Amino acid sequence: MFYTTIFAIVLIIVILAKYLYKPVERCPECNAPRESDHPICPCGYVFEFPDDDDPFEYGDPEDSAKDSP
C-alpha cells in the first residue's frame, strides 16, 4: 500500500511537470531565446511568416497610404 501511494504521487508530479512546463522558443541558428513577440531574431532568423504570399511590409502602414495617389 505504501509503495502504491508513493508511485501515485510520483506519477502525478511527473504528469503535472510535463503539462505545466512551458519551454522558451529559441532561435535554431544562434540558440538565443525569443524576446516577447518579436518576429525576427537579432541574428536575422525569421520566427514566423505570414499565412498569405504577400511580401513583407516594413515601416508604418500610414506612411505608405499617404504616398499613394
Protein backbone atom coordinates (compact mmCIF):
# COMPACT_ATOMS: atom_id res chain seq x y z
CA MET A 1 0.00 0.00 0.00
CA PHE A 2 2.83 2.37 0.87
CA TYR A 3 4.61 1.79 -2.47
CA THR A 4 1.39 2.27 -4.40
CA THR A 5 0.84 5.66 -2.77
CA ILE A 6 4.40 6.75 -3.48
CA PHE A 7 4.07 5.58 -7.10
CA ALA A 8 0.79 7.52 -7.49
CA ILE A 9 2.34 10.69 -6.04
CA VAL A 10 5.40 10.42 -8.31
CA LEU A 11 3.17 9.80 -11.32
CA ILE A 12 1.05 12.87 -10.54
CA ILE A 13 4.17 15.03 -10.10
CA VAL A 14 5.61 13.84 -13.43
CA ILE A 15 2.35 14.50 -15.28
CA LEU A 16 1.99 17.96 -13.72
CA ALA A 17 5.59 18.82 -14.58
CA LYS A 18 5.07 17.70 -18.16
CA TYR A 19 1.99 19.83 -18.77
CA LEU A 20 2.84 22.88 -16.66
CA TYR A 21 6.37 23.43 -18.03
CA LYS A 22 6.36 25.92 -20.93
CA PRO A 23 9.70 25.92 -22.77
CA VAL A 24 11.01 29.18 -24.21
CA GLU A 25 11.13 29.33 -28.00
CA ARG A 26 14.74 29.59 -29.15
CA CYS A 27 16.43 30.53 -32.41
CA PRO A 28 17.73 27.40 -34.18
CA GLU A 29 20.74 29.31 -35.56
CA CYS A 30 22.13 31.19 -32.53
CA ASN A 31 20.12 29.50 -29.73
CA ALA A 32 19.04 32.88 -28.31
CA PRO A 33 15.65 32.93 -26.55
CA ARG A 34 12.84 34.71 -28.41
CA GLU A 35 12.07 38.10 -26.91
CA SER A 36 8.32 38.52 -26.34
CA ASP A 37 6.60 38.64 -29.76
CA HIS A 38 9.47 39.89 -31.94
CA PRO A 39 9.21 38.07 -35.29
CA ILE A 40 12.94 38.43 -36.14
CA CYS A 41 15.93 37.24 -34.08
CA PRO A 42 18.95 39.59 -33.69
CA CYS A 43 20.95 37.17 -35.89
CA GLY A 44 18.38 37.61 -38.70
CA TYR A 45 16.36 34.40 -38.35
CA VAL A 46 12.63 34.93 -39.03
CA PHE A 47 10.47 33.11 -36.46
CA GLU A 48 7.18 33.39 -38.32
CA PHE A 49 5.99 34.08 -41.83
CA PRO A 50 2.61 35.48 -42.89
CA ASP A 51 -0.04 32.97 -43.94
CA ASP A 52 -0.53 34.58 -47.33
CA ASP A 53 2.03 35.10 -50.09
CA ASP A 54 2.10 38.89 -49.78
CA PRO A 55 5.60 40.38 -49.36
CA PHE A 56 6.69 41.75 -46.00
CA GLU A 57 5.78 45.39 -45.40
CA TYR A 58 8.19 47.31 -43.21
CA GLY A 59 7.59 50.68 -41.62
CA ASP A 60 4.43 52.48 -40.66
CA PRO A 61 1.42 51.47 -42.78
CA GLU A 62 0.05 55.01 -42.56
CA ASP A 63 3.13 56.35 -44.37
CA SER A 64 2.58 54.05 -47.34
CA ALA A 65 -1.08 55.14 -47.56
CA LYS A 66 -0.03 58.80 -47.75
CA ASP A 67 2.37 58.09 -50.64
CA SER A 68 -0.35 56.53 -52.79
CA PRO A 69 -2.24 58.91 -55.16
